[in-house]
């Protein structure tokens, strides 16, 4: 039986890889390129662990073990939470998340990331970029530091969007 968003409800046994492909196919058209890349990255890790399982057989215990394994692989708690969020979205689409949601715990995330660089840290960063074998690195980092652009925004920027006289 199909749900309102076109994903088959999990009344039939569906292996994780097939469920992942179907979920991506249903959602790809409404997602940005960057979101597609994020979901594909998350699914790569999820598939390595859940790939031989039926979507309906995934339990909170499996998710907890997955989180522990990813921590041993040195993935950050933020990364692991994003991967579990991908799994949650898949399971929600298949109407399976409600049965386990209360028993799944997300990992604590650092709140001290994103702080401003000190002037000394900024000078050392610029110096390291100047010494890099990648000639465009220094320019990119200067632009990032002065505009707040994200990586994808800078990569897609065009010279026609830059006005040196107005500093825009």
Foldseek 3Di string as FASTA:
>chain_A
DADPLGQAAPPDWDQPVVLLVSVCVSCVVPDDPVVSVLLVVLVVLVCVQRVGDTLLPDALVSLVVSLVVVVVVVDALVSSLSSVVSSLVSCVNNVRCVVHVVPHDRDDHDPPPPDDDDPVRVVVVLVVQVVDPPNCSNVVVVCCNPPVDDPVCVVPDDPVVDDVVVRD
